Amino acid sequence: QFAAALPLLSDRNQTVGRFVGIIRTQDGDDAGEAALTEIIQSYPDDDALAFALPAYLCEIGQNERCTEEPEKLAASEDMEIRHRAKIQIAENRFKDDDYDTAVSLAEDVLAEDDAEPNALTLKAKVQLARDEVEPAIETLRSALASEPDKESAQILLGLAYEADGRAAFGE
């Protein structure tokens, strides 16, 4: 039933997740990966599905392949996929305290789209981690100018204002 519903859906992620989860439970991780790969190939224009395989590989503990897949996506011809992959890689580098690589990847994205809110937010996270509060505030303002409802940027901006001694702005 899940497979039959996929062509009818505009957002397939949740349905694909359930479907692959059922296959994984019944037939194991490899069968789940094979089913997911087949679905991704069936819907090459579904940008959201492009990132399902790396997430699945991370979930099943295939850490090396989990990091390799976003690297492949970062070489995509599609700018949106390329940017999203670079930001995902940069977020992972940030978690590993590799701030230089994280900010470099964010800057790569910003070189192509200087208003990309995810890249700006990531850059600001690095700036805050390096105690560069004033530049982080400006970067977060830019992110929010591009996407005013971006919750992570709003939270970081509040934290940055508090770190700068402007608690009233932070609230």
C-alpha atoms as a PDB file:
ATOM      1  CA  GLN A   1       0.000   0.000   0.000  1.00  0.00           C
ATOM      2  CA  PHE A   2       2.844   2.383   0.820  1.00  0.00           C
ATOM      3  CA  ALA A   3       4.532   1.711  -2.527  1.00  0.00           C
ATOM      4  CA  ALA A   4       1.277   2.293  -4.377  1.00  0.00           C
ATOM      5  CA  ALA A   5       0.757   5.612  -2.610  1.00  0.00           C
ATOM      6  CA  LEU A   6       4.192   7.086  -3.446  1.00  0.00           C
ATOM      7  CA  PRO A   7       3.339   8.393  -6.933  1.00  0.00           C
ATOM      8  CA  LEU A   8       0.347  10.247  -5.496  1.00  0.00           C
ATOM      9  CA  LEU A   9       2.256  12.138  -2.808  1.00  0.00           C
ATOM     10  CA  SER A  10       3.998  15.477  -3.093  1.00  0.00           C
ATOM     11  CA  ASP A  11       5.935  14.880   0.162  1.00  0.00           C
ATOM     12  CA  ARG A  12       7.072  11.278   0.213  1.00  0.00           C
ATOM     13  CA  ASN A  13       9.506  11.363   3.133  1.00  0.00           C
ATOM     14  CA  GLN A  14       7.244  10.124   5.912  1.00  0.00           C
ATOM     15  CA  THR A  15       5.680   7.399   3.773  1.00  0.00           C
ATOM     16  CA  VAL A  16       9.069   6.275   2.462  1.00  0.00           C
ATOM     17  CA  GLY A  17      10.393   6.203   6.017  1.00  0.00           C
ATOM     18  CA  ARG A  18       7.564   3.965   7.175  1.00  0.00           C
ATOM     19  CA  PHE A  19       7.822   1.724   4.131  1.00  0.00           C
ATOM     20  CA  VAL A  20      11.583   1.277   4.453  1.00  0.00           C
ATOM     21  CA  GLY A  21      11.191   0.760   8.203  1.00  0.00           C
ATOM     22  CA  ILE A  22       8.787  -2.125   7.590  1.00  0.00           C
ATOM     23  CA  ILE A  23      11.132  -3.707   5.057  1.00  0.00           C
ATOM     24  CA  ARG A  24      14.079  -3.237   7.402  1.00  0.00           C
ATOM     25  CA  THR A  25      12.198  -4.879  10.288  1.00  0.00           C
ATOM     26  CA  GLN A  26      11.109  -7.817   8.166  1.00  0.00           C
ATOM     27  CA  ASP A  27      14.139  -8.362   5.955  1.00  0.00           C
ATOM     28  CA  GLY A  28      17.074  -6.489   7.515  1.00  0.00           C
ATOM     29  CA  ASP A  29      19.195  -3.407   6.917  1.00  0.00           C
ATOM     30  CA  ASP A  30      20.438  -4.403   3.452  1.00  0.00           C
ATOM     31  CA  ALA A  31      16.905  -4.979   2.162  1.00  0.00           C
ATOM     32  CA  GLY A  32      15.855  -1.618   3.596  1.00  0.00           C
ATOM     33  CA  GLU A  33      18.764   0.099   1.866  1.00  0.00           C
ATOM     34  CA  ALA A  34      17.965  -1.634  -1.431  1.00  0.00           C
ATOM     35  CA  ALA A  35      14.308  -0.570  -1.230  1.00  0.00           C
ATOM     36  CA  LEU A  36      15.272   3.002  -0.380  1.00  0.00           C
ATOM     37  CA  THR A  37      17.780   3.163  -3.229  1.00  0.00           C
ATOM     38  CA  GLU A  38      15.135   1.899  -5.654  1.00  0.00           C
ATOM     39  CA  ILE A  39      12.647   4.523  -4.474  1.00  0.00           C
ATOM     40  CA  ILE A  40      15.211   7.307  -4.785  1.00  0.00           C
ATOM     41  CA  GLN A  41      15.992   6.190  -8.339  1.00  0.00           C
ATOM     42  CA  SER A  42      12.275   6.121  -9.148  1.00  0.00           C
ATOM     43  CA  TYR A  43      11.869   9.769  -8.126  1.00  0.00           C
ATOM     44  CA  PRO A  44      15.054  11.542  -9.241  1.00  0.00           C
ATOM     45  CA  ASP A  45      13.396  14.963  -9.110  1.00  0.00           C
ATOM     46  CA  ASP A  46      12.457  14.627  -5.431  1.00  0.00           C
ATOM     47  CA  ASP A  47      15.225  16.646  -3.783  1.00  0.00           C
ATOM     48  CA  ALA A  48      14.111  15.672  -0.274  1.00  0.00           C
ATOM     49  CA  LEU A  49      14.513  11.977  -1.061  1.00  0.00           C
ATOM     50  CA  ALA A  50      18.088  12.565  -2.207  1.00  0.00           C
ATOM     51  CA  PHE A  51      19.042  12.988   1.455  1.00  0.00           C
ATOM     52  CA  ALA A  52      17.158   9.937   2.700  1.00  0.00           C
ATOM     53  CA  LEU A  53      20.001   7.514   1.953  1.00  0.00           C
ATOM     54  CA  PRO A  54      22.658   9.317   4.014  1.00  0.00           C
ATOM     55  CA  ALA A  55      20.181   9.581   6.909  1.00  0.00           C
ATOM     56  CA  TYR A  56      19.355   5.889   6.638  1.00  0.00           C
ATOM     57  CA  LEU A  57      23.018   4.907   6.553  1.00  0.00           C
ATOM     58  CA  CYS A  58      23.665   6.954   9.691  1.00  0.00           C
ATOM     59  CA  GLU A  59      20.656   5.350  11.362  1.00  0.00           C
ATOM     60  CA  ILE A  60      21.902   1.806  10.705  1.00  0.00           C
ATOM     61  CA  GLY A  61      25.436   2.616  11.861  1.00  0.00           C
ATOM     62  CA  GLN A  62      27.152   2.746   8.472  1.00  0.00           C
ATOM     63  CA  ASN A  63      29.146   5.792   9.600  1.00  0.00           C
ATOM     64  CA  GLU A  64      31.738   5.790   6.824  1.00  0.00           C
ATOM     65  CA  ARG A  65      29.117   5.519   4.086  1.00  0.00           C
ATOM     66  CA  CYS A  66      26.949   7.960   6.027  1.00  0.00           C
ATOM     67  CA  THR A  67      29.605  10.634   5.508  1.00  0.00           C
ATOM     68  CA  GLU A  68      30.468   9.582   1.933  1.00  0.00           C
ATOM     69  CA  GLU A  69      26.933  10.019   0.572  1.00  0.00           C
ATOM     70  CA  PRO A  70      26.632  13.745   1.362  1.00  0.00           C
ATOM     71  CA  GLU A  71      30.044  14.212  -0.294  1.00  0.00           C
ATOM     72  CA  LYS A  72      28.572  12.739  -3.487  1.00  0.00           C
ATOM     73  CA  LEU A  73      25.550  15.027  -3.227  1.00  0.00           C
ATOM     74  CA  ALA A  74      27.833  18.036  -2.718  1.00  0.00           C
ATOM     75  CA  ALA A  75      29.083  17.485  -6.279  1.00  0.00           C
ATOM     76  CA  SER A  76      25.557  17.619  -7.707  1.00  0.00           C
ATOM     77  CA  GLU A  77      24.709  19.769 -10.707  1.00  0.00           C
ATOM     78  CA  ASP A  78      21.570  20.901  -8.857  1.00  0.00           C
ATOM     79  CA  MET A  79      22.508  23.960  -6.815  1.00  0.00           C
ATOM     80  CA  GLU A  80      19.875  23.364  -4.104  1.00  0.00           C
ATOM     81  CA  ILE A  81      21.042  19.790  -3.518  1.00  0.00           C
ATOM     82  CA  ARG A  82      24.690  20.857  -3.613  1.00  0.00           C
ATOM     83  CA  HIS A  83      24.083  23.606  -1.061  1.00  0.00           C
ATOM     84  CA  ARG A  84      22.054  21.396   1.245  1.00  0.00           C
ATOM     85  CA  ALA A  85      24.732  18.686   1.114  1.00  0.00           C
ATOM     86  CA  LYS A  86      27.543  21.131   1.857  1.00  0.00           C
ATOM     87  CA  ILE A  87      25.622  22.538   4.788  1.00  0.00           C
ATOM     88  CA  GLN A  88      24.936  19.037   6.106  1.00  0.00           C
ATOM     89  CA  ILE A  89      28.642  18.189   5.849  1.00  0.00           C
ATOM     90  CA  ALA A  90      29.524  21.502   7.498  1.00  0.00           C
ATOM     91  CA  GLU A  91      27.106  20.812  10.367  1.00  0.00           C
ATOM     92  CA  ASN A  92      28.841  17.474  10.941  1.00  0.00           C
ATOM     93  CA  ARG A  93      32.250  19.180  10.925  1.00  0.00           C
ATOM     94  CA  PHE A  94      30.931  21.767  13.379  1.00  0.00           C
ATOM     95  CA  LYS A  95      29.828  18.962  15.718  1.00  0.00           C
ATOM     96  CA  ASP A  96      33.394  17.607  15.500  1.00  0.00           C
ATOM     97  CA  ASP A  97      34.754  21.079  16.433  1.00  0.00           C
ATOM     98  CA  ASP A  98      36.289  21.440  12.962  1.00  0.00           C
ATOM     99  CA  TYR A  99      35.263  25.063  12.662  1.00  0.00           C
ATOM    100  CA  ASP A 100      37.615  25.881   9.801  1.00  0.00           C
ATOM    101  CA  THR A 101      36.075  23.268   7.505  1.00  0.00           C
ATOM    102  CA  ALA A 102      32.547  24.129   8.638  1.00  0.00           C
ATOM    103  CA  VAL A 103      32.928  27.821   7.873  1.00  0.00           C
ATOM    104  CA  SER A 104      34.739  27.067   4.613  1.00  0.00           C
ATOM    105  CA  LEU A 105      31.826  24.956   3.395  1.00  0.00           C
ATOM    106  CA  ALA A 106      29.345  27.621   4.480  1.00  0.00           C
ATOM    107  CA  GLU A 107      31.392  30.211   2.587  1.00  0.00           C
ATOM    108  CA  ASP A 108      31.329  27.970  -0.522  1.00  0.00           C
ATOM    109  CA  VAL A 109      27.542  28.067  -0.416  1.00  0.00           C
ATOM    110  CA  LEU A 110      27.475  31.792   0.275  1.00  0.00           C
ATOM    111  CA  ALA A 111      29.756  32.409  -2.712  1.00  0.00           C
ATOM    112  CA  GLU A 112      26.937  31.110  -4.919  1.00  0.00           C
ATOM    113  CA  ASP A 113      24.045  32.507  -2.866  1.00  0.00           C
ATOM    114  CA  ASP A 114      25.017  35.213  -0.409  1.00  0.00           C
ATOM    115  CA  ALA A 115      21.576  35.152   1.240  1.00  0.00           C
ATOM    116  CA  GLU A 116      21.281  31.394   1.876  1.00  0.00           C
ATOM    117  CA  PRO A 117      19.850  31.348   5.419  1.00  0.00           C
ATOM    118  CA  ASN A 118      21.146  27.903   6.429  1.00  0.00           C
ATOM    119  CA  ALA A 119      24.692  28.774   5.413  1.00  0.00           C
ATOM    120  CA  LEU A 120      24.464  32.131   7.183  1.00  0.00           C
ATOM    121  CA  THR A 121      23.136  30.482  10.342  1.00  0.00           C
ATOM    122  CA  LEU A 122      25.916  27.920  10.285  1.00  0.00           C
ATOM    123  CA  LYS A 123      28.532  30.613   9.753  1.00  0.00           C
ATOM    124  CA  ALA A 124      27.103  32.488  12.750  1.00  0.00           C
ATOM    125  CA  LYS A 125      27.278  29.327  14.889  1.00  0.00           C
ATOM    126  CA  VAL A 126      30.983  29.110  14.111  1.00  0.00           C
ATOM    127  CA  GLN A 127      31.413  32.791  14.877  1.00  0.00           C
ATOM    128  CA  LEU A 128      29.682  32.342  18.237  1.00  0.00           C
ATOM    129  CA  ALA A 129      31.799  29.265  19.008  1.00  0.00           C
ATOM    130  CA  ARG A 130      34.855  31.438  18.372  1.00  0.00           C
ATOM    131  CA  ASP A 131      33.457  34.243  20.579  1.00  0.00           C
ATOM    132  CA  GLU A 132      33.033  36.532  17.583  1.00  0.00           C
ATOM    133  CA  VAL A 133      29.745  37.899  18.893  1.00  0.00           C
ATOM    134  CA  GLU A 134      29.348  41.118  16.888  1.00  0.00           C
ATOM    135  CA  PRO A 135      30.034  39.458  13.513  1.00  0.00           C
ATOM    136  CA  ALA A 136      27.652  36.632  14.505  1.00  0.00           C
ATOM    137  CA  ILE A 137      24.894  39.144  15.235  1.00  0.00           C
ATOM    138  CA  GLU A 138      25.312  40.703  11.800  1.00  0.00           C
ATOM    139  CA  THR A 139      25.397  37.299  10.116  1.00  0.00           C
ATOM    140  CA  LEU A 140      22.241  36.198  11.944  1.00  0.00           C
ATOM    141  CA  ARG A 141      20.472  39.406  10.986  1.00  0.00           C
ATOM    142  CA  SER A 142      21.284  38.590   7.371  1.00  0.00           C
ATOM    143  CA  ALA A 143      19.954  35.057   7.793  1.00  0.00           C
ATOM    144  CA  LEU A 144      16.724  36.403   9.246  1.00  0.00           C
ATOM    145  CA  ALA A 145      16.423  38.964   6.466  1.00  0.00           C
ATOM    146  CA  SER A 146      16.368  36.014   4.054  1.00  0.00           C
ATOM    147  CA  GLU A 147      14.091  33.831   6.166  1.00  0.00           C
ATOM    148  CA  PRO A 148      12.394  35.827   8.945  1.00  0.00           C
ATOM    149  CA  ASP A 149      10.830  32.762  10.611  1.00  0.00           C
ATOM    150  CA  LYS A 150      14.050  30.740  10.817  1.00  0.00           C
ATOM    151  CA  GLU A 151      13.814  29.534  14.398  1.00  0.00           C
ATOM    152  CA  SER A 152      17.434  28.441  14.811  1.00  0.00           C
ATOM    153  CA  ALA A 153      18.659  31.857  13.677  1.00  0.00           C
ATOM    154  CA  GLN A 154      16.231  33.584  16.059  1.00  0.00           C
ATOM    155  CA  ILE A 155      17.454  31.500  18.994  1.00  0.00           C
ATOM    156  CA  LEU A 156      21.110  32.057  18.131  1.00  0.00           C
ATOM    157  CA  LEU A 157      20.521  35.788  17.734  1.00  0.00           C
ATOM    158  CA  GLY A 158      18.977  35.907  21.209  1.00  0.00           C
ATOM    159  CA  LEU A 159      21.975  34.040  22.620  1.00  0.00           C
ATOM    160  CA  ALA A 160      24.370  36.336  20.769  1.00  0.00           C
ATOM    161  CA  TYR A 161      22.676  39.442  22.172  1.00  0.00           C
ATOM    162  CA  GLU A 162      22.855  37.966  25.677  1.00  0.00           C
ATOM    163  CA  ALA A 163      26.550  37.162  25.191  1.00  0.00           C
ATOM    164  CA  ASP A 164      27.046  40.749  24.064  1.00  0.00           C
ATOM    165  CA  GLY A 165      25.432  42.069  27.236  1.00  0.00           C
ATOM    166  CA  ARG A 166      22.219  43.135  25.547  1.00  0.00           C
ATOM    167  CA  ALA A 167      19.862  40.762  27.345  1.00  0.00           C
ATOM    168  CA  ALA A 168      16.839  42.928  26.561  1.00  0.00           C
ATOM    169  CA  PHE A 169      17.455  42.392  22.820  1.00  0.00           C
ATOM    170  CA  GLY A 170      18.032  38.702  23.464  1.00  0.00           C
ATOM    171  CA  GLU A 171      14.571  38.300  24.925  1.00  0.00           C
END
